[in-house]
C-alpha atoms as a PDB file:
ATOM      1  CA  MET A   1       0.236   0.162  -0.138  1.00  0.00           C
ATOM      2  CA  SER A   2       1.335   3.280  -1.035  1.00  0.00           C
ATOM      3  CA  ARG A   3       2.839   5.737   1.951  1.00  0.00           C
ATOM      4  CA  THR A   4       1.290   9.172   2.329  1.00  0.00           C
ATOM      5  CA  PHE A   5       2.475  12.073   4.669  1.00  0.00           C
ATOM      6  CA  PRO A   6      -0.232  13.566   7.100  1.00  0.00           C
ATOM      7  CA  PHE A   7      -2.025  16.789   6.083  1.00  0.00           C
ATOM      8  CA  TYR A   8      -2.625  19.422   8.713  1.00  0.00           C
ATOM      9  CA  ARG A   9      -4.134  22.666   8.042  1.00  0.00           C
ATOM     10  CA  PHE A  10      -3.547  25.619  10.702  1.00  0.00           C
ATOM     11  CA  ALA A  11      -4.847  29.247  10.891  1.00  0.00           C
ATOM     12  CA  GLY A  12      -5.071  32.422  12.860  1.00  0.00           C
ATOM     13  CA  SER A  13      -2.445  34.279  14.573  1.00  0.00           C
ATOM     14  CA  HIS A  14       1.422  33.049  14.583  1.00  0.00           C
ATOM     15  CA  ARG A  15       0.925  32.298  17.969  1.00  0.00           C
ATOM     16  CA  GLU A  16      -2.196  30.115  17.489  1.00  0.00           C
ATOM     17  CA  VAL A  17      -0.634  28.778  14.121  1.00  0.00           C
ATOM     18  CA  GLY A  18       2.513  27.178  16.225  1.00  0.00           C
ATOM     19  CA  GLN A  19       0.243  25.846  19.068  1.00  0.00           C
ATOM     20  CA  GLN A  20      -2.272  24.532  16.612  1.00  0.00           C
ATOM     21  CA  TYR A  21       0.551  22.919  14.979  1.00  0.00           C
ATOM     22  CA  GLY A  22       1.986  21.554  18.063  1.00  0.00           C
ATOM     23  CA  GLU A  23      -1.124  19.940  19.826  1.00  0.00           C
ATOM     24  CA  ALA A  24      -1.978  18.192  16.357  1.00  0.00           C
ATOM     25  CA  CYS A  25       1.616  16.850  16.160  1.00  0.00           C
ATOM     26  CA  ARG A  26       2.578  16.580  19.361  1.00  0.00           C
ATOM     27  CA  ASP A  27       3.646  13.090  19.053  1.00  0.00           C
ATOM     28  CA  LEU A  28       5.911  13.169  15.855  1.00  0.00           C
ATOM     29  CA  ILE A  29       7.541  16.263  17.489  1.00  0.00           C
ATOM     30  CA  VAL A  30       8.434  14.744  20.375  1.00  0.00           C
ATOM     31  CA  GLN A  31      10.012  11.941  18.159  1.00  0.00           C
ATOM     32  CA  HIS A  32      11.851  14.557  16.261  1.00  0.00           C
ATOM     33  CA  ARG A  33      13.238  15.903  19.403  1.00  0.00           C
ATOM     34  CA  ASP A  34      14.492  12.662  20.693  1.00  0.00           C
ATOM     35  CA  LEU A  35      15.972  11.721  17.485  1.00  0.00           C
ATOM     36  CA  ALA A  36      17.893  15.379  17.028  1.00  0.00           C
ATOM     37  CA  LEU A  37      19.433  15.055  20.305  1.00  0.00           C
ATOM     38  CA  GLU A  38      20.243  11.450  19.754  1.00  0.00           C
ATOM     39  CA  ARG A  39      22.199  12.505  16.788  1.00  0.00           C
ATOM     40  CA  LEU A  40      23.862  15.344  18.487  1.00  0.00           C
ATOM     41  CA  TYR A  41      25.002  12.771  21.356  1.00  0.00           C
ATOM     42  CA  ALA A  42      26.330  10.840  19.031  1.00  0.00           C
ATOM     43  CA  HIS A  43      28.137  13.368  16.625  1.00  0.00           C
ATOM     44  CA  SER A  44      29.022  15.513  19.113  1.00  0.00           C
ATOM     45  CA  HIS A  45      30.381  16.245  22.884  1.00  0.00           C
ATOM     46  CA  LEU A  46      27.596  18.406  23.794  1.00  0.00           C
ATOM     47  CA  THR A  47      25.351  17.672  27.065  1.00  0.00           C
ATOM     48  CA  TYR A  48      21.430  18.701  27.020  1.00  0.00           C
ATOM     49  CA  ASP A  49      22.721  21.813  29.198  1.00  0.00           C
ATOM     50  CA  ASP A  50      25.143  22.385  26.019  1.00  0.00           C
ATOM     51  CA  VAL A  51      22.234  22.214  23.697  1.00  0.00           C
ATOM     52  CA  VAL A  52      19.578  24.588  25.609  1.00  0.00           C
ATOM     53  CA  GLU A  53      22.209  27.416  25.738  1.00  0.00           C
ATOM     54  CA  ARG A  54      23.236  27.254  21.978  1.00  0.00           C
ATOM     55  CA  THR A  55      20.014  26.936  20.551  1.00  0.00           C
ATOM     56  CA  LEU A  56      18.947  30.151  22.451  1.00  0.00           C
ATOM     57  CA  TRP A  57      22.076  32.085  20.815  1.00  0.00           C
ATOM     58  CA  TYR A  58      20.388  32.282  17.809  1.00  0.00           C
ATOM     59  CA  ARG A  59      16.859  33.846  19.094  1.00  0.00           C
ATOM     60  CA  PRO A  60      17.947  37.696  18.675  1.00  0.00           C
ATOM     61  CA  TRP A  61      18.685  37.668  15.620  1.00  0.00           C
ATOM     62  CA  LEU A  62      15.609  35.650  14.265  1.00  0.00           C
ATOM     63  CA  HIS A  63      14.046  37.928  16.070  1.00  0.00           C
ATOM     64  CA  ALA A  64      15.367  41.181  14.769  1.00  0.00           C
ATOM     65  CA  VAL A  65      14.357  40.188  11.097  1.00  0.00           C
ATOM     66  CA  ALA A  66      10.699  38.307  11.248  1.00  0.00           C
ATOM     67  CA  PRO A  67       9.426  38.188  15.352  1.00  0.00           C
ATOM     68  CA  PHE A  68       6.274  36.130  13.887  1.00  0.00           C
ATOM     69  CA  PHE A  69       8.618  33.352  14.031  1.00  0.00           C
ATOM     70  CA  ILE A  70       9.234  33.733  17.613  1.00  0.00           C
ATOM     71  CA  GLU A  71       5.488  33.808  18.242  1.00  0.00           C
ATOM     72  CA  GLU A  72       5.157  30.722  16.043  1.00  0.00           C
ATOM     73  CA  LEU A  73       7.974  28.668  18.378  1.00  0.00           C
ATOM     74  CA  VAL A  74       6.241  29.716  21.714  1.00  0.00           C
ATOM     75  CA  GLY A  75       3.091  28.455  20.475  1.00  0.00           C
ATOM     76  CA  LEU A  76       4.548  24.946  19.101  1.00  0.00           C
ATOM     77  CA  ALA A  77       6.430  24.676  22.383  1.00  0.00           C
ATOM     78  CA  GLN A  78       3.369  25.158  24.455  1.00  0.00           C
ATOM     79  CA  GLY A  79       1.284  23.029  22.049  1.00  0.00           C
ATOM     80  CA  ALA A  80       3.743  20.298  21.874  1.00  0.00           C
ATOM     81  CA  ASN A  81       4.570  20.338  25.634  1.00  0.00           C
ATOM     82  CA  ILE A  82       8.290  20.781  24.995  1.00  0.00           C
ATOM     83  CA  THR A  83      10.570  23.255  26.158  1.00  0.00           C
ATOM     84  CA  GLU A  84      11.422  26.621  23.931  1.00  0.00           C
ATOM     85  CA  ALA A  85      14.900  25.589  23.597  1.00  0.00           C
ATOM     86  CA  GLU A  86      13.782  22.334  22.233  1.00  0.00           C
ATOM     87  CA  ALA A  87      11.353  23.813  19.770  1.00  0.00           C
ATOM     88  CA  TRP A  88      14.490  25.695  18.668  1.00  0.00           C
ATOM     89  CA  LEU A  89      16.348  22.695  18.631  1.00  0.00           C
ATOM     90  CA  LEU A  90      14.342  21.442  15.739  1.00  0.00           C
ATOM     91  CA  GLN A  91      14.712  24.307  13.616  1.00  0.00           C
ATOM     92  CA  LEU A  92      18.640  24.275  13.767  1.00  0.00           C
ATOM     93  CA  ARG A  93      19.969  20.943  14.478  1.00  0.00           C
ATOM     94  CA  ALA A  94      23.571  21.157  12.443  1.00  0.00           C
ATOM     95  CA  GLU A  95      24.103  24.810  13.697  1.00  0.00           C
ATOM     96  CA  VAL A  96      24.125  23.428  17.360  1.00  0.00           C
ATOM     97  CA  ALA A  97      26.989  21.462  16.651  1.00  0.00           C
ATOM     98  CA  ILE A  98      28.865  23.571  13.808  1.00  0.00           C
ATOM     99  CA  VAL A  99      31.226  25.567  16.397  1.00  0.00           C
ATOM    100  CA  GLU A 100      32.906  22.143  17.268  1.00  0.00           C
ATOM    101  CA  GLU A 101      33.253  20.754  13.673  1.00  0.00           C
ATOM    102  CA  ASN A 102      32.480  21.606  10.422  1.00  0.00           C
ATOM    103  CA  GLU A 103      29.380  19.467   8.799  1.00  0.00           C
ATOM    104  CA  ALA A 104      29.457  17.802   5.014  1.00  0.00           C
ATOM    105  CA  GLY A 105      25.854  17.829   3.449  1.00  0.00           C
ATOM    106  CA  ASP A 106      24.894  15.308   0.909  1.00  0.00           C
ATOM    107  CA  GLU A 107      21.057  16.347   0.823  1.00  0.00           C
ATOM    108  CA  CYS A 108      18.959  17.068  -1.821  1.00  0.00           C
ATOM    109  CA  THR A 109      18.852  17.350  -5.823  1.00  0.00           C
ATOM    110  CA  SER A 110      16.725  20.431  -6.877  1.00  0.00           C
ATOM    111  CA  TYR A 111      15.068  21.881 -10.188  1.00  0.00           C
ATOM    112  CA  ALA A 112      13.289  24.842 -11.671  1.00  0.00           C
ATOM    113  CA  ILE A 113      11.615  24.955 -14.926  1.00  0.00           C
ATOM    114  CA  GLU A 114      10.271  27.876 -16.501  1.00  0.00           C
ATOM    115  CA  PRO A 115       6.933  27.938 -18.633  1.00  0.00           C
ATOM    116  CA  SER A 116       9.003  28.050 -21.823  1.00  0.00           C
ATOM    117  CA  ALA A 117      10.511  24.835 -20.994  1.00  0.00           C
ATOM    118  CA  THR A 118       7.273  22.651 -19.874  1.00  0.00           C
ATOM    119  CA  SER A 119       4.733  21.450 -22.228  1.00  0.00           C
ATOM    120  CA  ASP A 120       1.777  22.923 -20.592  1.00  0.00           C
ATOM    121  CA  GLY A 121       3.131  26.768 -19.955  1.00  0.00           C
ATOM    122  CA  VAL A 122       3.034  26.121 -16.232  1.00  0.00           C
ATOM    123  CA  GLY A 123       6.581  26.803 -14.248  1.00  0.00           C
ATOM    124  CA  LEU A 124       7.589  23.729 -11.864  1.00  0.00           C
ATOM    125  CA  VAL A 125       9.900  23.770  -9.175  1.00  0.00           C
ATOM    126  CA  GLY A 126      11.042  21.113  -6.550  1.00  0.00           C
ATOM    127  CA  GLN A 127      13.123  18.373  -5.600  1.00  0.00           C
ATOM    128  CA  ASN A 128      14.249  15.152  -4.275  1.00  0.00           C
ATOM    129  CA  ALA A 129      14.931  15.918  -0.708  1.00  0.00           C
ATOM    130  CA  ASP A 130      17.394  13.667   1.282  1.00  0.00           C
ATOM    131  CA  LEU A 131      18.126  13.063   4.769  1.00  0.00           C
ATOM    132  CA  PRO A 132      18.343  10.232   7.045  1.00  0.00           C
ATOM    133  CA  ALA A 133      15.673   7.622   6.669  1.00  0.00           C
ATOM    134  CA  PHE A 134      13.663   8.194   9.537  1.00  0.00           C
ATOM    135  CA  TYR A 135      12.668  11.764   8.464  1.00  0.00           C
ATOM    136  CA  ARG A 136      10.068  10.161   6.587  1.00  0.00           C
ATOM    137  CA  ASP A 137       8.387   8.798   9.376  1.00  0.00           C
ATOM    138  CA  ILE A 138       8.067  12.296  10.967  1.00  0.00           C
ATOM    139  CA  ALA A 139       7.505  14.608   8.269  1.00  0.00           C
ATOM    140  CA  ILE A 140       4.061  15.888   7.395  1.00  0.00           C
ATOM    141  CA  VAL A 141       2.460  18.592   4.325  1.00  0.00           C
ATOM    142  CA  ALA A 142       0.817  21.418   6.375  1.00  0.00           C
ATOM    143  CA  GLU A 143      -0.956  24.529   5.170  1.00  0.00           C
ATOM    144  CA  LEU A 144      -0.180  27.793   7.148  1.00  0.00           C
ATOM    145  CA  GLY A 145      -2.691  30.240   7.101  1.00  0.00           C
ATOM    146  CA  PHE A 146      -1.838  33.818   8.438  1.00  0.00           C
ATOM    147  CA  ASP A 147      -3.481  37.483   7.940  1.00  0.00           C
ATOM    148  CA  ASP A 148      -0.388  39.510   7.275  1.00  0.00           C
ATOM    149  CA  ILE A 149       1.888  37.569   5.434  1.00  0.00           C
ATOM    150  CA  PRO A 150       0.958  35.089   2.440  1.00  0.00           C
ATOM    151  CA  SER A 151      -0.048  31.860   3.349  1.00  0.00           C
ATOM    152  CA  ILE A 152       1.947  28.639   2.840  1.00  0.00           C
ATOM    153  CA  LEU A 153       1.691  24.717   1.804  1.00  0.00           C
ATOM    154  CA  MET A 154       4.727  23.052   2.811  1.00  0.00           C
ATOM    155  CA  VAL A 155       6.471  19.530   3.559  1.00  0.00           C
ATOM    156  CA  LEU A 156       8.022  19.785   6.425  1.00  0.00           C
ATOM    157  CA  PRO A 157       9.636  17.759   9.519  1.00  0.00           C
ATOM    158  CA  ALA A 158       7.365  17.641  12.383  1.00  0.00           C
ATOM    159  CA  GLY A 159       8.103  20.533  14.358  1.00  0.00           C
ATOM    160  CA  GLN A 160       9.975  22.586  11.913  1.00  0.00           C
ATOM    161  CA  LEU A 161       8.362  25.883  10.769  1.00  0.00           C
ATOM    162  CA  SER A 162      10.186  26.074   7.503  1.00  0.00           C
ATOM    163  CA  TYR A 163      11.703  23.748   5.110  1.00  0.00           C
ATOM    164  CA  LEU A 164      10.333  23.480   0.976  1.00  0.00           C
ATOM    165  CA  GLY A 165       7.077  24.645  -0.286  1.00  0.00           C
ATOM    166  CA  ILE A 166       4.693  27.460  -1.772  1.00  0.00           C
ATOM    167  CA  ASN A 167       3.161  30.480  -0.721  1.00  0.00           C
ATOM    168  CA  ASP A 168      -0.427  31.573  -2.194  1.00  0.00           C
ATOM    169  CA  ALA A 169       1.368  34.553  -3.866  1.00  0.00           C
ATOM    170  CA  GLY A 170       2.521  31.953  -6.699  1.00  0.00           C
ATOM    171  CA  MET A 171       6.098  31.896  -4.943  1.00  0.00           C
ATOM    172  CA  GLY A 172       7.883  28.300  -4.821  1.00  0.00           C
ATOM    173  CA  VAL A 173      10.900  27.511  -3.144  1.00  0.00           C
ATOM    174  CA  SER A 174      13.463  24.472  -3.134  1.00  0.00           C
ATOM    175  CA  ALA A 175      16.522  23.958  -1.053  1.00  0.00           C
ATOM    176  CA  ASN A 176      20.076  22.273  -0.400  1.00  0.00           C
ATOM    177  CA  PHE A 177      22.602  21.933   1.752  1.00  0.00           C
ATOM    178  CA  LEU A 178      25.938  23.642   1.130  1.00  0.00           C
ATOM    179  CA  THR A 179      29.014  23.241   3.264  1.00  0.00           C
ATOM    180  CA  CYS A 180      31.484  26.129   3.653  1.00  0.00           C
ATOM    181  CA  ASP A 181      33.583  27.467   6.559  1.00  0.00           C
ATOM    182  CA  GLY A 182      32.775  30.206   9.013  1.00  0.00           C
ATOM    183  CA  TRP A 183      29.311  28.902  10.204  1.00  0.00           C
ATOM    184  CA  ARG A 184      28.066  31.024  13.334  1.00  0.00           C
ATOM    185  CA  VAL A 185      25.204  32.469  15.326  1.00  0.00           C
ATOM    186  CA  GLY A 186      22.599  34.328  13.172  1.00  0.00           C
ATOM    187  CA  VAL A 187      19.983  33.745  11.507  1.00  0.00           C
ATOM    188  CA  PRO A 188      19.823  29.939  10.439  1.00  0.00           C
ATOM    189  CA  ARG A 189      19.657  28.390   7.112  1.00  0.00           C
ATOM    190  CA  TYR A 190      16.239  26.640   7.442  1.00  0.00           C
ATOM    191  CA  PHE A 191      14.408  30.095   8.083  1.00  0.00           C
ATOM    192  CA  PHE A 192      15.333  31.158   4.699  1.00  0.00           C
ATOM    193  CA  SER A 193      12.728  29.261   2.550  1.00  0.00           C
ATOM    194  CA  ARG A 194       9.984  30.761   4.945  1.00  0.00           C
ATOM    195  CA  LEU A 195      11.429  34.376   4.745  1.00  0.00           C
ATOM    196  CA  ALA A 196      11.651  34.046   1.044  1.00  0.00           C
ATOM    197  CA  LEU A 197       7.802  32.914   0.968  1.00  0.00           C
ATOM    198  CA  THR A 198       7.161  36.247   2.734  1.00  0.00           C
ATOM    199  CA  GLN A 199       7.939  37.666  -0.927  1.00  0.00           C
ATOM    200  CA  ARG A 200       6.090  38.074  -4.344  1.00  0.00           C
ATOM    201  CA  THR A 201       9.031  37.771  -6.618  1.00  0.00           C
ATOM    202  CA  VAL A 202      12.678  36.060  -6.728  1.00  0.00           C
ATOM    203  CA  GLU A 203      14.612  39.388  -6.725  1.00  0.00           C
ATOM    204  CA  ASP A 204      12.896  40.103  -3.718  1.00  0.00           C
ATOM    205  CA  ALA A 205      13.259  37.084  -2.064  1.00  0.00           C
ATOM    206  CA  ALA A 206      16.987  36.902  -2.832  1.00  0.00           C
ATOM    207  CA  THR A 207      17.590  40.558  -1.798  1.00  0.00           C
ATOM    208  CA  LEU A 208      16.279  39.780   1.673  1.00  0.00           C
ATOM    209  CA  ILE A 209      18.125  36.750   2.114  1.00  0.00           C
ATOM    210  CA  ASP A 210      21.270  38.508   0.847  1.00  0.00           C
ATOM    211  CA  SER A 211      20.467  41.174   3.526  1.00  0.00           C
ATOM    212  CA  LEU A 212      20.636  38.836   6.510  1.00  0.00           C
ATOM    213  CA  HIS A 213      23.090  38.099   9.083  1.00  0.00           C
ATOM    214  CA  ARG A 214      23.220  34.443   8.129  1.00  0.00           C
ATOM    215  CA  ALA A 215      24.075  31.794  10.719  1.00  0.00           C
ATOM    216  CA  SER A 216      24.885  29.021   7.689  1.00  0.00           C
ATOM    217  CA  SER A 217      25.273  28.544   4.150  1.00  0.00           C
ATOM    218  CA  ARG A 218      22.353  27.277   1.852  1.00  0.00           C
ATOM    219  CA  ASN A 219      20.891  27.137  -1.876  1.00  0.00           C
ATOM    220  CA  LEU A 220      17.412  28.394  -2.443  1.00  0.00           C
ATOM    221  CA  ILE A 221      15.989  27.587  -5.927  1.00  0.00           C
ATOM    222  CA  MET A 222      13.099  29.727  -6.297  1.00  0.00           C
ATOM    223  CA  MET A 223      10.049  31.004  -8.719  1.00  0.00           C
ATOM    224  CA  ASP A 224       7.837  33.433  -8.796  1.00  0.00           C
ATOM    225  CA  ALA A 225       4.080  33.968 -10.444  1.00  0.00           C
ATOM    226  CA  LYS A 226       5.807  35.674 -13.401  1.00  0.00           C
ATOM    227  CA  GLY A 227       7.699  32.015 -14.099  1.00  0.00           C
ATOM    228  CA  THR A 228      11.091  33.343 -13.321  1.00  0.00           C
ATOM    229  CA  ALA A 229      13.428  30.641 -12.097  1.00  0.00           C
ATOM    230  CA  LEU A 230      16.424  31.778  -9.445  1.00  0.00           C
ATOM    231  CA  ASP A 231      19.164  29.969  -7.712  1.00  0.00           C
ATOM    232  CA  LEU A 232      20.613  31.689  -5.075  1.00  0.00           C
ATOM    233  CA  GLU A 233      24.090  30.140  -3.504  1.00  0.00           C
ATOM    234  CA  THR A 234      24.904  31.457  -0.201  1.00  0.00           C
ATOM    235  CA  THR A 235      28.057  31.244   2.386  1.00  0.00           C
ATOM    236  CA  VAL A 236      27.574  33.117   5.785  1.00  0.00           C
ATOM    237  CA  THR A 237      28.644  36.042   4.275  1.00  0.00           C
ATOM    238  CA  GLU A 238      28.506  36.117   0.243  1.00  0.00           C
ATOM    239  CA  SER A 239      26.286  35.078  -2.308  1.00  0.00           C
ATOM    240  CA  ALA A 240      25.387  34.453  -6.244  1.00  0.00           C
ATOM    241  CA  ARG A 241      22.715  34.314  -7.985  1.00  0.00           C
ATOM    242  CA  LEU A 242      22.460  31.444 -11.100  1.00  0.00           C
ATOM    243  CA  TYR A 243      19.712  31.854 -13.888  1.00  0.00           C
ATOM    244  CA  ALA A 244      17.690  29.337 -16.101  1.00  0.00           C
ATOM    245  CA  SER A 245      19.543  28.242 -19.167  1.00  0.00           C
ATOM    246  CA  ASP A 246      17.274  27.029 -21.882  1.00  0.00           C
ATOM    247  CA  GLY A 247      14.393  27.401 -18.894  1.00  0.00           C
ATOM    248  CA  VAL A 248      16.097  24.975 -16.443  1.00  0.00           C
ATOM    249  CA  LEU A 249      17.972  25.063 -13.492  1.00  0.00           C
ATOM    250  CA  ALA A 250      18.780  22.503 -11.475  1.00  0.00           C
ATOM    251  CA  HIS A 251      21.291  22.033  -8.347  1.00  0.00           C
ATOM    252  CA  ALA A 252      22.700  19.425  -5.738  1.00  0.00           C
ATOM    253  CA  ASN A 253      25.326  19.888  -2.799  1.00  0.00           C
ATOM    254  CA  ASN A 254      28.258  21.679  -4.181  1.00  0.00           C
ATOM    255  CA  TYR A 255      28.551  25.402  -5.380  1.00  0.00           C
ATOM    256  CA  LEU A 256      28.006  26.220  -8.960  1.00  0.00           C
ATOM    257  CA  ALA A 257      28.892  30.151  -9.266  1.00  0.00           C
ATOM    258  CA  PRO A 258      32.266  30.681 -10.389  1.00  0.00           C
ATOM    259  CA  GLU A 259      32.885  33.243  -7.300  1.00  0.00           C
ATOM    260  CA  LEU A 260      31.846  30.904  -5.248  1.00  0.00           C
ATOM    261  CA  LEU A 261      33.800  27.727  -5.777  1.00  0.00           C
ATOM    262  CA  HIS A 262      36.416  29.276  -3.415  1.00  0.00           C
ATOM    263  CA  ALA A 263      33.900  28.700  -0.329  1.00  0.00           C
ATOM    264  CA  GLU A 264      33.655  24.698  -1.569  1.00  0.00           C
ATOM    265  CA  ARG A 265      34.439  22.505   1.743  1.00  0.00           C
ATOM    266  CA  SER A 266      32.652  18.939   0.595  1.00  0.00           C
ATOM    267  CA  THR A 267      35.223  16.365  -0.562  1.00  0.00           C
ATOM    268  CA  GLY A 268      35.295  12.636  -1.173  1.00  0.00           C
ATOM    269  CA  ILE A 269      32.582  10.789  -2.238  1.00  0.00           C
ATOM    270  CA  GLY A 270      29.686  13.015  -0.727  1.00  0.00           C
ATOM    271  CA  LEU A 271      31.302  15.497  -3.657  1.00  0.00           C
ATOM    272  CA  THR A 272      31.684  13.275  -6.280  1.00  0.00           C
ATOM    273  CA  ASN A 273      27.768  12.283  -5.524  1.00  0.00           C
ATOM    274  CA  SER A 274      26.789  16.026  -5.707  1.00  0.00           C
ATOM    275  CA  GLN A 275      28.280  16.488  -8.674  1.00  0.00           C
ATOM    276  CA  GLY A 276      26.794  13.346 -10.215  1.00  0.00           C
ATOM    277  CA  ARG A 277      23.404  13.938  -9.409  1.00  0.00           C
ATOM    278  CA  PHE A 278      23.704  17.616 -10.691  1.00  0.00           C
ATOM    279  CA  GLU A 279      24.624  16.130 -14.148  1.00  0.00           C
ATOM    280  CA  SER A 280      21.800  13.498 -13.730  1.00  0.00           C
ATOM    281  CA  MET A 281      19.211  16.176 -13.142  1.00  0.00           C
ATOM    282  CA  ARG A 282      20.597  18.684 -15.474  1.00  0.00           C
ATOM    283  CA  SER A 283      20.710  16.486 -18.216  1.00  0.00           C
ATOM    284  CA  MET A 284      17.125  14.769 -17.813  1.00  0.00           C
ATOM    285  CA  LEU A 285      15.973  17.946 -17.730  1.00  0.00           C
ATOM    286  CA  VAL A 286      17.630  19.552 -21.192  1.00  0.00           C
ATOM    287  CA  GLU A 287      17.074  16.322 -22.867  1.00  0.00           C
ATOM    288  CA  ARG A 288      13.237  16.521 -22.406  1.00  0.00           C
ATOM    289  CA  ARG A 289      12.607  20.322 -22.520  1.00  0.00           C
ATOM    290  CA  GLY A 290       9.311  21.615 -24.037  1.00  0.00           C
ATOM    291  CA  CYS A 291       7.866  18.146 -22.825  1.00  0.00           C
ATOM    292  CA  LEU A 292       8.377  18.857 -19.468  1.00  0.00           C
ATOM    293  CA  ASN A 293       5.006  18.475 -17.056  1.00  0.00           C
ATOM    294  CA  VAL A 294       4.017  17.158 -13.710  1.00  0.00           C
ATOM    295  CA  GLU A 295       3.877  13.492 -15.184  1.00  0.00           C
ATOM    296  CA  VAL A 296       7.393  13.879 -16.898  1.00  0.00           C
ATOM    297  CA  MET A 297       8.810  14.991 -13.553  1.00  0.00           C
ATOM    298  CA  MET A 298       7.295  12.314 -11.392  1.00  0.00           C
ATOM    299  CA  GLU A 299       9.603  10.046 -13.815  1.00  0.00           C
ATOM    300  CA  VAL A 300      12.538  11.821 -13.523  1.00  0.00           C
ATOM    301  CA  LEU A 301      12.680  11.981  -9.938  1.00  0.00           C
ATOM    302  CA  CYS A 302      12.242   8.137  -9.653  1.00  0.00           C
ATOM    303  CA  ASP A 303      15.239   7.749 -11.946  1.00  0.00           C
ATOM    304  CA  HIS A 304      17.284   5.180 -10.414  1.00  0.00           C
ATOM    305  CA  THR A 305      19.562   4.599 -13.244  1.00  0.00           C
ATOM    306  CA  ASP A 306      23.052   5.010 -11.624  1.00  0.00           C
ATOM    307  CA  PRO A 307      22.771   4.616  -7.814  1.00  0.00           C
ATOM    308  CA  MET A 308      26.077   6.198  -7.076  1.00  0.00           C
ATOM    309  CA  ALA A 309      24.818   9.363  -8.903  1.00  0.00           C
ATOM    310  CA  CYS A 310      21.031   9.170  -9.247  1.00  0.00           C
ATOM    311  CA  VAL A 311      18.457  11.791  -7.955  1.00  0.00           C
ATOM    312  CA  ASN A 312      16.271   9.130  -6.443  1.00  0.00           C
ATOM    313  CA  ARG A 313      18.516   7.675  -3.818  1.00  0.00           C
ATOM    314  CA  HIS A 314      17.711   4.665  -1.661  1.00  0.00           C
ATOM    315  CA  ARG A 315      18.658   3.743   1.711  1.00  0.00           C
ATOM    316  CA  ASP A 316      21.415   1.431   0.669  1.00  0.00           C
ATOM    317  CA  ASP A 317      22.786   3.098  -2.267  1.00  0.00           C
ATOM    318  CA  ILE A 318      26.153   4.528  -0.875  1.00  0.00           C
ATOM    319  CA  PRO A 319      26.406   3.138   2.682  1.00  0.00           C
ATOM    320  CA  GLU A 320      29.001   6.044   3.426  1.00  0.00           C
ATOM    321  CA  LEU A 321      26.356   8.196   3.441  1.00  0.00           C
ATOM    322  CA  ASP A 322      23.794   8.486   5.899  1.00  0.00           C
ATOM    323  CA  SER A 323      21.080  10.065   3.271  1.00  0.00           C
ATOM    324  CA  MET A 324      17.991   8.768   1.159  1.00  0.00           C
ATOM    325  CA  THR A 325      15.231  10.322  -0.450  1.00  0.00           C
ATOM    326  CA  PHE A 326      12.695  10.817   2.025  1.00  0.00           C
ATOM    327  CA  ALA A 327      10.149  13.110   0.193  1.00  0.00           C
ATOM    328  CA  SER A 328       9.813  13.875  -3.481  1.00  0.00           C
ATOM    329  CA  LEU A 329       8.170  17.218  -4.860  1.00  0.00           C
ATOM    330  CA  ILE A 330       6.665  19.001  -7.855  1.00  0.00           C
ATOM    331  CA  MET A 331       5.468  22.218  -6.916  1.00  0.00           C
ATOM    332  CA  GLN A 332       3.210  24.279  -9.424  1.00  0.00           C
ATOM    333  CA  PRO A 333       3.419  27.575  -7.366  1.00  0.00           C
ATOM    334  CA  THR A 334       0.874  29.913  -9.886  1.00  0.00           C
ATOM    335  CA  LEU A 335      -1.428  27.024  -9.362  1.00  0.00           C
ATOM    336  CA  GLY A 336      -1.156  26.983  -5.637  1.00  0.00           C
ATOM    337  CA  LYS A 337      -0.802  22.951  -5.782  1.00  0.00           C
ATOM    338  CA  MET A 338       1.975  20.745  -5.217  1.00  0.00           C
ATOM    339  CA  ASP A 339       2.543  16.770  -5.792  1.00  0.00           C
ATOM    340  CA  VAL A 340       4.355  15.145  -3.037  1.00  0.00           C
ATOM    341  CA  ALA A 341       5.357  11.297  -2.726  1.00  0.00           C
ATOM    342  CA  VAL A 342       6.741   9.643   0.497  1.00  0.00           C
ATOM    343  CA  GLY A 343      10.326   8.386  -0.754  1.00  0.00           C
ATOM    344  CA  PRO A 344      12.243   6.974  -2.342  1.00  0.00           C
ATOM    345  CA  PRO A 345       9.430   8.416  -4.605  1.00  0.00           C
ATOM    346  CA  ASP A 346       9.307   4.670  -7.160  1.00  0.00           C
ATOM    347  CA  GLU A 347       8.253   3.166  -4.115  1.00  0.00           C
ATOM    348  CA  ASN A 348       4.885   5.288  -3.593  1.00  0.00           C
ATOM    349  CA  ASP A 349       2.459   7.312  -5.455  1.00  0.00           C
ATOM    350  CA  PHE A 350       2.302  11.275  -5.613  1.00  0.00           C
ATOM    351  CA  MET A 351      -0.405  12.978  -3.808  1.00  0.00           C
ATOM    352  CA  THR A 352      -1.842  16.399  -4.718  1.00  0.00           C
ATOM    353  CA  TYR A 353      -2.025  19.266  -2.127  1.00  0.00           C
ATOM    354  CA  ALA A 354      -3.407  22.579  -2.547  1.00  0.00           C
ATOM    355  CA  PHE A 355      -4.406  25.620  -0.969  1.00  0.00           C
ATOM    356  CA  GLY A 356      -8.128  25.001   0.540  1.00  0.00           C
ATOM    357  CA  ARG A 357      -7.987  21.625  -0.334  1.00  0.00           C
END
């Protein structure tokens, strides 16, 4: 039987949305917290008290640019019956330990397809999202409705306030891990997607992310209601814009912009795999240019031709890399809907989610 992610709809003030989220997903959020702490203890020398102290370092930086997130986090903690520091941990994870040792990332292969390259004139943005296998057991799809900012529809590990999705103004965002030096206390990378979705154009979103005192590095592929696609690569202090060629964009987990190649810190099999996934995604999109649509992208995202370099990653493909495709997304921002499969996507059907239904 095909698996699907549980779906929720929350609406109201930011505090109310956070509390509704926490109450509805309490068991999954607690499970996520316990797994996050377990991984931190296994990969660092941190104690629980260390984690509590470090999570709160980031609060002032986020409050300065988006105080509504603080309201959501307070509500989430209350609803899920966890501490505010534990709610913060779910937004951070790698940032909490990064001051001790840099972390390599081999997570996700993303894409954007402008209307000129599709078969039906509808732009697409999305990705195969790669994380440790347990994330497919704790992820949800949620619609968050607000009065003061655009509403959003997102795939979220339970307890996170930001990951991958669209807003009701026709914007869509996917994201990739990038490895560079210099991570610091600031605005954490997971919030970049939600912040981008407070905007209506990719250029405004990129300008906003550029302006942040960023804690960590991130790649964002974005598409707006005009059908314009933009890829924003960031380090903590620099950024670069990449635009569609032949109407398509693709990205994995290594820097592509010439001016940021000096920042690359991914090495070995992780870097080789990322480069292979980028080439696979890019070539499949270019070969199908003009024929691309939701159905064709389902085939693309299910490709498992070369387990060492395919965009559809199974759990045991590369034992050295602790990642697999836990969710697959095909988003149509201008239509306000997205198709999502529990990963790997060749094992489960895609389900359509849309605002209001």
